[in-house]
Amino acid sequence: MKGHVPTPKNISERIVRKVFRVDPPSSGDRILYPGSGTAPFATSVEQICEEEGWDLPDGLGVELDPRHLSEAREHDLNHVEFEQRDFLADDMHSSGEFDYIIGNPPYVAIEGLSDEEKLRYREKFRTAEGRFDLYLLFFEQAVNLLAKGGRLAFITPEKYEYVDAAIPLRKMLTNGDVHVKEIDHVGESALDGHVTIPCVTVLTRSKSTDRGTSITLRDGSSHVTNLPQDGSSWAESVRGKDLSSMETGYTLGDVTERISPGMATGADAIFVEDHKEVPPQLVPDWVYPTVSGSQLTTNDGPRTESVFICPYNEEGELVPEAELGAFREWAKLHRSRLEDRSCVKKSNKEWYAWHENPPMKDLLQPKIVFKDIEKTPKFWAEEDGDVIPRHSVYYMIPKEGVSFSSLLDYLNSSDARVWMEANCQKAANGFLRLQTRVIENLPVPQSIAMSVDIAE
């Protein structure tokens, strides 16, 4: 199956021992390996059961890729039969229920699916909402195949704990007889160098009144928490943060007109230049100051030597080619490269247009800017309203009446930083992704919020 990421032996053994630790297999138990790949989990099950003197469960490995199946069968395992099947197909339910399900679902984002696959999955799976990943569907299918009292363990990206696309899955995993017993956040590169920010989730199907979930974080610390059951983000609970005291009834989204990423041109190597290198005939009519994420840090602010060479007017309208003048003569030197961009080939944009249309009325306002990915979030003022951020920089525009300096001070405060560390999506090496859909929910003090009409 596409999206296959190999599971190292140390990880497969760790997961198998988690599953069998409380309830080792007995004769007649059944175990399923969805997307079984080259059989790392089945191999570990056979080895561990032999070491511990446990009965081997009756196993079924399901895999679409014939190459992986061939390698899996070469292990000559005694307890498992391997079949070339689609785990997400309807006929999986004819296989009955399983006492154990262990796997490493494929890593396939929605962009990797065909239109036919997206339609089919959306019709069948509750978890196929929004920009879903394939592993969310594997969770749903596996839960439906898990017997009462059974145990399931998957290693997946941890982001299902908090991304919007996983809201249906989070509801499913915290309601009815499904109980997430444990989430273990293993090393970021635990899957042989693939930076997937993974976690191991162990769940059961039982009517236990104890809904506690044991959490282990990457720093080795652990705690027990009760996960929200309404589909909302688990981030604060999983990271051991109770920030309810910060709630004021107002959020960053209430006091800002816009929080957005900067502009993507599809050809920054052409449209971004050092201001000293810009042909003089383009200055000043066709240039605007710009800043990238790395420049924000290096310069400790949005002022740089770089400029955008921009074919849009101050209304955000693309200037007609016949009116481009000096810009057109300059751009013609790069025409073949510009025509090779996806925005031209697939979206039928003009050959000299940017990948995105710039909302110039918003961009050319006083604003607060920040990097899209950062270990310690920091925010800067761009009060002149003339810098157009690049795609690695986010910008926010405070509503009229909001104190610019007060909002900036709050965003750079320890309280705001703690909230972001508890709620933002994790990136590699301990960095955070500062996405609009998350930080717009940052609680803000009443002193800031009361200066603006929230009803606007």
Protein backbone atom coordinates (compact mmCIF):
# COMPACT_ATOMS: atom_id res chain seq x y z
CA MET A 1 0.00 0.00 0.00
CA LYS A 2 1.21 3.52 -0.76
CA GLY A 3 2.50 5.53 2.17
CA HIS A 4 4.32 2.55 3.69
CA VAL A 5 6.88 3.52 6.32
CA PRO A 6 8.93 0.58 7.70
CA THR A 7 8.66 -0.17 11.42
CA PRO A 8 12.02 -0.80 13.13
CA LYS A 9 12.37 -3.92 15.26
CA ASN A 10 12.77 -2.01 18.52
CA ILE A 11 9.50 -0.14 17.88
CA SER A 12 7.51 -3.22 16.87
CA GLU A 13 8.70 -5.06 19.99
CA ARG A 14 7.86 -2.07 22.19
CA ILE A 15 4.33 -1.90 20.81
CA VAL A 16 3.69 -5.65 21.04
CA ARG A 17 4.80 -5.71 24.68
CA LYS A 18 2.45 -2.79 25.43
CA VAL A 19 -0.48 -4.72 24.00
CA PHE A 20 0.31 -8.02 25.72
CA ARG A 21 1.55 -6.55 29.02
CA VAL A 22 -1.84 -6.65 30.74
CA ASP A 23 -3.56 -9.33 28.69
CA PRO A 24 -1.23 -11.84 26.99
CA PRO A 25 -2.79 -14.00 24.27
CA SER A 26 -4.52 -17.30 24.94
CA SER A 27 -5.22 -20.20 22.62
CA GLY A 28 -7.95 -19.26 20.14
CA ASP A 29 -7.39 -15.49 20.33
CA ARG A 30 -7.25 -13.69 17.00
CA ILE A 31 -4.84 -10.92 15.95
CA LEU A 32 -5.01 -8.64 12.90
CA TYR A 33 -2.14 -6.80 11.23
CA PRO A 34 -3.68 -4.13 8.94
CA GLY A 35 -1.30 -2.83 6.28
CA SER A 36 1.04 -5.56 7.49
CA GLY A 37 3.95 -4.58 5.24
CA THR A 38 6.94 -6.89 5.63
CA ALA A 39 5.53 -8.33 8.90
CA PRO A 40 7.51 -6.48 11.60
CA PHE A 41 4.71 -6.80 14.15
CA ALA A 42 3.92 -10.43 13.35
CA THR A 43 7.62 -11.27 13.68
CA SER A 44 7.78 -9.56 17.08
CA VAL A 45 4.61 -11.32 18.26
CA GLU A 46 6.06 -14.72 17.42
CA GLN A 47 9.38 -13.92 19.08
CA ILE A 48 7.89 -12.44 22.26
CA CYS A 49 5.30 -15.20 22.71
CA GLU A 50 8.08 -17.78 22.40
CA GLU A 51 10.25 -15.92 24.93
CA GLU A 52 7.40 -15.53 27.43
CA GLY A 53 5.84 -18.96 26.92
CA TRP A 54 2.54 -17.48 25.78
CA ASP A 55 0.14 -19.09 23.33
CA LEU A 56 0.34 -17.75 19.80
CA PRO A 57 -2.84 -16.02 18.61
CA ASP A 58 -4.32 -16.88 15.21
CA GLY A 59 -3.12 -14.10 12.93
CA LEU A 60 -4.22 -12.42 9.71
CA GLY A 61 -1.98 -9.98 7.85
CA VAL A 62 -3.62 -7.73 5.26
CA GLU A 63 -1.46 -5.95 2.68
CA LEU A 64 -1.99 -4.61 -0.85
CA ASP A 65 1.62 -4.43 -2.03
CA PRO A 66 2.73 -7.82 -3.44
CA ARG A 67 6.38 -6.98 -2.82
CA HIS A 68 5.78 -6.51 0.89
CA LEU A 69 3.67 -9.67 0.99
CA SER A 70 6.43 -11.70 -0.62
CA GLU A 71 8.97 -10.49 1.93
CA ALA A 72 6.56 -11.09 4.81
CA ARG A 73 5.97 -14.70 3.75
CA GLU A 74 9.71 -15.32 3.65
CA HIS A 75 9.76 -15.06 7.46
CA ASP A 76 7.92 -18.43 7.62
CA LEU A 77 5.87 -17.34 10.62
CA ASN A 78 3.69 -20.01 12.18
CA HIS A 79 0.74 -18.03 13.54
CA VAL A 80 -0.27 -15.79 10.64
CA GLU A 81 -1.71 -15.98 7.14
CA PHE A 82 -1.00 -13.08 4.78
CA GLU A 83 -3.60 -11.96 2.24
CA GLN A 84 -3.43 -9.39 -0.53
CA ARG A 85 -6.45 -7.30 0.42
CA ASP A 86 -7.52 -3.71 0.90
CA PHE A 87 -7.96 -3.14 4.62
CA LEU A 88 -10.38 -0.28 3.95
CA ALA A 89 -12.67 -2.37 1.72
CA ASP A 90 -16.14 -3.46 2.83
CA ASP A 91 -15.25 -7.15 2.67
CA MET A 92 -12.89 -6.81 5.66
CA HIS A 93 -15.92 -7.19 7.92
CA SER A 94 -16.42 -10.72 6.61
CA SER A 95 -13.24 -11.65 8.48
CA GLY A 96 -15.00 -11.24 11.82
CA GLU A 97 -13.70 -9.58 14.98
CA PHE A 98 -10.22 -9.66 16.46
CA ASP A 99 -8.93 -9.69 20.02
CA TYR A 100 -5.79 -7.78 19.07
CA ILE A 101 -5.07 -5.33 16.25
CA ILE A 102 -1.56 -3.95 15.81
CA GLY A 103 -0.22 -1.79 13.01
CA ASN A 104 1.58 1.16 11.50
CA PRO A 105 -1.03 2.62 9.12
CA PRO A 106 0.19 4.18 5.87
CA TYR A 107 1.21 7.83 5.84
CA VAL A 108 -0.92 9.24 3.01
CA ALA A 109 -2.30 12.79 3.11
CA ILE A 110 -5.41 13.70 1.15
CA GLU A 111 -3.25 15.10 -1.65
CA GLY A 112 -1.99 11.56 -2.28
CA LEU A 113 -5.48 10.18 -2.97
CA SER A 114 -7.30 10.07 -6.28
CA ASP A 115 -10.68 11.80 -6.67
CA GLU A 116 -12.32 8.37 -6.84
CA GLU A 117 -10.66 7.31 -3.57
CA LYS A 118 -11.67 10.51 -1.80
CA LEU A 119 -15.30 10.08 -2.88
CA ARG A 120 -15.40 6.43 -1.89
CA TYR A 121 -13.87 7.07 1.52
CA ARG A 122 -16.11 10.06 2.26
CA GLU A 123 -19.18 7.94 1.53
CA LYS A 124 -18.06 5.15 3.84
CA PHE A 125 -16.08 6.59 6.77
CA ARG A 126 -17.18 9.08 9.39
CA THR A 127 -13.53 10.06 9.84
CA ALA A 128 -13.14 11.04 6.16
CA GLU A 129 -13.90 14.70 6.76
CA GLY A 130 -12.02 17.80 5.69
CA ARG A 131 -8.39 17.25 4.78
CA PHE A 132 -8.24 13.75 6.21
CA ASP A 133 -5.19 11.46 6.26
CA LEU A 134 -5.51 7.77 5.47
CA TYR A 135 -4.44 6.64 8.93
CA LEU A 136 -7.60 8.20 10.41
CA LEU A 137 -9.66 5.76 8.34
CA PHE A 138 -7.48 2.87 9.48
CA PHE A 139 -8.34 3.78 13.07
CA GLU A 140 -12.07 3.75 12.32
CA GLN A 141 -11.98 0.47 10.42
CA ALA A 142 -9.85 -1.17 13.10
CA VAL A 143 -12.11 -0.04 15.96
CA ASN A 144 -15.08 -1.56 14.13
CA LEU A 145 -13.20 -4.87 13.81
CA LEU A 146 -12.05 -4.97 17.44
CA ALA A 147 -13.84 -7.49 19.66
CA LYS A 148 -15.32 -6.55 23.03
CA GLY A 149 -12.48 -6.50 25.51
CA GLY A 150 -9.97 -6.38 22.65
CA ARG A 151 -6.84 -4.22 22.49
CA LEU A 152 -5.61 -2.12 19.58
CA ALA A 153 -2.24 -0.41 19.15
CA PHE A 154 -1.26 1.87 16.28
CA ILE A 155 1.80 4.01 15.71
CA THR A 156 0.72 7.15 13.84
CA PRO A 157 1.53 10.86 13.64
CA GLU A 158 0.59 12.53 16.91
CA LYS A 159 -1.29 15.30 15.12
CA TYR A 160 -4.57 13.38 15.28
CA GLU A 161 -4.62 14.59 18.90
CA TYR A 162 -5.35 18.15 17.82
CA VAL A 163 -5.92 18.80 14.09
CA ASP A 164 -9.42 19.74 12.93
CA ALA A 165 -9.55 16.89 10.40
CA ALA A 166 -9.41 14.41 13.29
CA ILE A 167 -12.40 15.78 15.23
CA PRO A 168 -14.63 12.81 14.21
CA LEU A 169 -11.89 10.35 15.21
CA ARG A 170 -11.35 11.98 18.61
CA LYS A 171 -15.10 11.73 19.27
CA MET A 172 -15.06 8.06 18.27
CA LEU A 173 -12.10 7.24 20.52
CA THR A 174 -13.59 8.83 23.63
CA ASN A 175 -17.22 7.72 23.51
CA GLY A 176 -19.21 4.51 23.85
CA ASP A 177 -17.12 1.49 24.78
CA VAL A 178 -13.89 2.77 23.20
CA HIS A 179 -11.26 3.79 25.75
CA VAL A 180 -7.81 5.18 24.94
CA LYS A 181 -5.69 3.54 27.62
CA GLU A 182 -2.29 4.95 26.70
CA ILE A 183 -0.53 7.39 24.38
CA ASP A 184 3.25 7.07 24.22
CA HIS A 185 5.08 9.82 22.31
CA VAL A 186 8.11 8.08 20.85
CA GLY A 187 11.11 9.84 19.29
CA GLU A 188 10.44 12.18 16.39
CA SER A 189 12.59 10.05 14.07
CA ALA A 190 11.75 6.68 15.62
CA LEU A 191 10.67 5.31 12.26
CA ASP A 192 14.17 4.99 10.79
CA GLY A 193 14.76 8.65 10.02
CA HIS A 194 11.24 9.53 8.84
CA VAL A 195 10.31 12.65 10.80
CA THR A 196 6.66 11.82 11.45
CA ILE A 197 6.32 13.10 15.06
CA PRO A 198 4.81 9.70 16.00
CA CYS A 199 2.95 8.36 18.99
CA VAL A 200 1.76 4.91 19.98
CA THR A 201 -1.93 4.76 20.89
CA VAL A 202 -3.28 1.78 22.82
CA LEU A 203 -7.05 1.46 23.20
CA THR A 204 -9.60 -1.09 24.32
CA ARG A 205 -13.28 -1.78 23.85
CA SER A 206 -14.77 -2.07 27.32
CA LYS A 207 -17.45 -0.46 29.47
CA SER A 208 -15.01 0.54 32.22
CA THR A 209 -15.99 3.61 34.22
CA ASP A 210 -12.31 4.54 34.46
CA ARG A 211 -11.71 6.87 31.50
CA GLY A 212 -8.16 7.86 32.46
CA THR A 213 -5.48 7.84 29.77
CA SER A 214 -1.81 7.34 30.61
CA ILE A 215 0.37 9.83 28.73
CA THR A 216 4.12 9.59 28.17
CA LEU A 217 5.81 12.63 26.63
CA ARG A 218 9.07 12.71 24.70
CA ASP A 219 10.96 14.17 27.64
CA GLY A 220 10.16 11.01 29.60
CA SER A 221 7.57 12.61 31.88
CA SER A 222 4.21 10.93 32.33
CA HIS A 223 0.78 11.67 33.74
CA VAL A 224 -2.82 10.47 33.62
CA THR A 225 -5.53 12.62 32.07
CA ASN A 226 -9.16 12.49 31.01
CA LEU A 227 -9.37 13.32 27.32
CA PRO A 228 -12.12 15.68 26.09
CA GLN A 229 -15.05 13.74 24.64
CA ASP A 230 -16.51 16.43 22.38
CA GLY A 231 -13.93 16.15 19.60
CA SER A 232 -12.04 19.25 20.67
CA SER A 233 -8.25 19.29 20.74
CA TRP A 234 -6.54 16.97 23.20
CA ALA A 235 -3.35 19.05 23.13
CA GLU A 236 -3.64 20.67 26.56
CA SER A 237 -4.71 17.42 28.22
CA VAL A 238 -2.00 15.36 26.54
CA ARG A 239 0.70 17.91 27.35
CA GLY A 240 -0.41 18.11 30.97
CA LYS A 241 -1.55 21.73 30.92
CA ASP A 242 -4.60 23.17 32.64
CA LEU A 243 -4.95 26.69 31.27
CA SER A 244 -8.60 27.22 32.10
CA SER A 245 -7.62 30.18 34.30
CA MET A 246 -6.58 32.06 31.14
CA GLU A 247 -10.11 31.99 29.71
CA THR A 248 -11.67 35.45 29.54
CA GLY A 249 -14.43 34.86 27.02
CA TYR A 250 -12.39 36.65 24.36
CA THR A 251 -9.84 35.30 21.90
CA LEU A 252 -7.22 36.60 19.51
CA GLY A 253 -9.69 36.05 16.69
CA ASP A 254 -12.09 38.49 18.37
CA VAL A 255 -9.57 41.35 18.39
CA THR A 256 -8.02 40.90 14.94
CA GLU A 257 -9.36 41.52 11.45
CA ARG A 258 -7.14 38.89 9.89
CA ILE A 259 -4.49 36.29 10.73
CA SER A 260 -2.96 34.85 7.57
CA PRO A 261 0.23 33.49 6.04
CA GLY A 262 2.21 35.79 3.77
CA MET A 263 2.41 35.57 0.02
CA ALA A 264 3.53 32.62 -2.10
CA THR A 265 4.65 33.57 -5.61
CA GLY A 266 5.65 30.14 -6.87
CA ALA A 267 8.95 31.67 -7.96
CA ASP A 268 10.55 33.63 -5.13
CA ALA A 269 13.94 33.21 -6.81
CA ILE A 270 12.62 35.56 -9.49
CA PHE A 271 10.17 37.83 -7.67
CA VAL A 272 12.36 38.45 -4.58
CA GLU A 273 15.55 40.49 -4.94
CA ASP A 274 17.99 42.48 -2.86
CA HIS A 275 16.88 46.07 -3.35
CA LYS A 276 20.34 46.97 -4.68
CA GLU A 277 20.00 44.39 -7.47
CA VAL A 278 16.61 45.52 -8.78
CA PRO A 279 16.75 47.05 -12.27
CA PRO A 280 16.30 50.82 -11.80
CA GLN A 281 13.39 50.98 -14.26
CA LEU A 282 11.29 48.92 -11.80
CA VAL A 283 11.81 51.30 -8.87
CA PRO A 284 9.62 52.45 -7.19
CA ASP A 285 6.47 51.48 -9.11
CA TRP A 286 6.93 47.70 -9.06
CA VAL A 287 8.62 46.97 -5.72
CA TYR A 288 7.59 46.52 -2.08
CA PRO A 289 9.71 45.65 0.97
CA THR A 290 9.38 42.01 2.03
CA VAL A 291 10.53 39.69 4.80
CA SER A 292 10.94 35.93 5.18
CA GLY A 293 10.79 33.87 8.35
CA SER A 294 14.56 33.48 8.59
CA GLN A 295 15.03 37.21 8.04
CA LEU A 296 12.65 38.00 10.89
CA THR A 297 14.97 36.16 13.25
CA THR A 298 18.24 37.38 11.74
CA ASN A 299 17.16 41.03 11.65
CA ASP A 300 15.03 40.84 14.80
CA GLY A 301 12.21 42.46 12.89
CA PRO A 302 10.55 42.93 9.49
CA ARG A 303 13.02 45.43 7.98
CA THR A 304 15.31 43.78 5.42
CA GLU A 305 17.23 44.51 2.23
CA SER A 306 14.80 42.35 0.24
CA VAL A 307 11.94 43.49 -1.97
CA PHE A 308 9.12 41.85 -3.87
CA ILE A 309 8.93 42.70 -7.56
CA CYS A 310 5.16 42.87 -7.75
CA PRO A 311 2.76 42.94 -10.74
CA TYR A 312 -0.28 43.87 -8.61
CA ASN A 313 -1.68 47.32 -7.89
CA GLU A 314 -2.63 48.59 -4.44
CA GLU A 315 -6.14 47.18 -4.87
CA GLY A 316 -4.68 43.68 -5.25
CA GLU A 317 -5.54 43.55 -8.96
CA LEU A 318 -3.14 42.01 -11.46
CA VAL A 319 -2.02 44.75 -13.82
CA PRO A 320 -3.02 43.87 -17.43
CA GLU A 321 -0.07 42.75 -19.52
CA ALA A 322 -0.51 45.63 -21.94
CA GLU A 323 0.01 48.09 -19.06
CA LEU A 324 3.05 46.42 -17.49
CA GLY A 325 5.63 48.51 -19.31
CA ALA A 326 9.07 48.06 -17.71
CA PHE A 327 7.83 45.16 -15.61
CA ARG A 328 6.85 43.23 -18.73
CA GLU A 329 10.26 43.71 -20.35
CA TRP A 330 11.97 42.48 -17.18
CA ALA A 331 9.58 39.54 -16.68
CA LYS A 332 10.01 38.36 -20.28
CA LEU A 333 13.60 37.44 -19.38
CA HIS A 334 12.15 34.81 -17.00
CA ARG A 335 9.05 33.86 -18.99
CA SER A 336 9.90 30.18 -19.57
CA ARG A 337 10.48 29.62 -15.86
CA LEU A 338 7.33 31.53 -14.88
CA GLU A 339 5.19 29.59 -17.35
CA ASP A 340 6.44 26.33 -15.84
CA ARG A 341 4.71 26.97 -12.49
CA SER A 342 1.67 24.95 -11.44
CA CYS A 343 -0.42 28.09 -10.96
CA VAL A 344 -0.02 28.77 -14.69
CA LYS A 345 -0.26 25.19 -15.96
CA LYS A 346 -3.08 23.98 -13.72
CA SER A 347 -4.89 27.11 -12.57
CA ASN A 348 -4.64 29.03 -15.84
CA LYS A 349 -3.15 32.10 -14.21
CA GLU A 350 -1.39 34.71 -16.29
CA TRP A 351 2.24 33.78 -16.90
CA TYR A 352 3.52 36.68 -14.76
CA ALA A 353 0.99 36.32 -11.89
CA TRP A 354 1.86 35.11 -8.41
CA HIS A 355 0.75 31.74 -7.10
CA GLU A 356 -1.68 33.61 -4.82
CA ASN A 357 -3.50 36.89 -5.35
CA PRO A 358 -2.26 39.32 -2.70
CA PRO A 359 -4.94 40.98 -0.53
CA MET A 360 -3.09 44.28 -0.79
CA LYS A 361 -5.60 46.29 1.23
CA ASP A 362 -4.82 44.06 4.21
CA LEU A 363 -1.13 43.54 3.50
CA LEU A 364 -0.46 47.28 3.27
CA GLN A 365 -1.67 48.01 6.79
CA PRO A 366 0.12 48.21 10.13
CA LYS A 367 0.37 44.64 11.35
CA ILE A 368 2.04 42.17 13.67
CA VAL A 369 4.26 39.56 12.03
CA PHE A 370 5.63 36.20 13.20
CA LYS A 371 7.28 33.06 11.83
CA ASP A 372 5.11 30.14 10.78
CA ILE A 373 7.35 27.59 12.54
CA GLU A 374 9.32 28.50 15.66
CA LYS A 375 10.65 26.89 18.82
CA THR A 376 9.92 29.94 20.96
CA PRO A 377 7.21 32.07 19.32
CA LYS A 378 8.07 35.74 18.90
CA PHE A 379 6.03 38.59 17.45
CA TRP A 380 7.16 41.85 15.86
CA ALA A 381 5.44 45.11 14.93
CA GLU A 382 5.34 46.32 11.32
CA GLU A 383 3.68 49.64 11.96
CA ASP A 384 4.47 51.40 8.68
CA GLY A 385 2.22 49.02 6.74
CA ASP A 386 4.47 48.74 3.70
CA VAL A 387 6.11 45.31 4.12
CA ILE A 388 4.56 42.35 2.27
CA PRO A 389 5.38 39.16 4.22
CA ARG A 390 6.52 36.06 2.37
CA HIS A 391 4.84 32.68 2.82
CA SER A 392 7.01 31.70 5.82
CA VAL A 393 5.71 34.71 7.77
CA TYR A 394 2.23 35.12 9.21
CA TYR A 395 0.66 38.52 9.77
CA MET A 396 -2.21 39.72 11.91
CA ILE A 397 -4.13 42.96 11.68
CA PRO A 398 -5.55 44.26 14.98
CA LYS A 399 -9.08 45.60 14.87
CA GLU A 400 -9.61 49.32 15.11
CA GLY A 401 -9.38 50.43 18.72
CA VAL A 402 -7.11 47.60 19.84
CA SER A 403 -3.91 48.87 21.42
CA PHE A 404 -1.11 47.75 19.09
CA SER A 405 1.52 47.84 21.83
CA SER A 406 -0.66 46.09 24.42
CA LEU A 407 -1.51 43.26 22.04
CA LEU A 408 2.13 42.88 20.98
CA ASP A 409 3.29 42.80 24.61
CA TYR A 410 0.71 40.14 25.43
CA LEU A 411 1.64 37.96 22.46
CA ASN A 412 5.26 38.01 23.64
CA SER A 413 4.32 37.30 27.26
CA SER A 414 5.06 34.08 29.10
CA ASP A 415 1.31 33.40 29.48
CA ALA A 416 0.73 33.49 25.72
CA ARG A 417 3.84 31.39 25.09
CA VAL A 418 2.71 28.70 27.54
CA TRP A 419 -0.68 28.54 25.81
CA MET A 420 0.93 28.16 22.38
CA GLU A 421 3.28 25.45 23.65
CA ALA A 422 0.24 23.61 24.98
CA ASN A 423 -1.94 23.95 21.89
CA CYS A 424 0.07 24.38 18.68
CA GLN A 425 0.88 21.50 16.34
CA LYS A 426 4.33 20.01 16.87
CA ALA A 427 6.98 20.16 14.15
CA ALA A 428 10.42 18.52 14.10
CA ASN A 429 13.06 19.25 16.76
CA GLY A 430 10.61 20.68 19.27
CA PHE A 431 9.37 23.47 17.00
CA LEU A 432 5.75 24.65 16.89
CA ARG A 433 3.49 25.43 13.92
CA LEU A 434 1.71 28.73 14.52
CA GLN A 435 -1.39 28.17 12.40
CA THR A 436 -4.33 30.54 12.15
CA ARG A 437 -6.94 27.98 13.21
CA VAL A 438 -5.06 27.46 16.49
CA ILE A 439 -3.72 30.83 17.56
CA GLU A 440 -7.00 32.60 16.78
CA ASN A 441 -8.28 30.73 19.86
CA LEU A 442 -5.61 32.19 22.15
CA PRO A 443 -7.44 33.79 25.10
CA VAL A 444 -6.76 37.53 25.37
CA PRO A 445 -7.09 39.74 28.45
CA GLN A 446 -10.31 41.67 28.88
CA SER A 447 -8.31 44.90 28.94
CA ILE A 448 -7.41 44.30 25.28
CA ALA A 449 -10.75 42.89 24.17
CA MET A 450 -12.93 45.56 25.75
CA SER A 451 -11.34 48.26 23.59
CA VAL A 452 -13.10 46.94 20.49
CA ASP A 453 -16.67 46.12 19.50
CA ILE A 454 -16.52 42.31 19.32
CA ALA A 455 -19.80 42.24 17.40
CA GLU A 456 -18.00 43.77 14.44
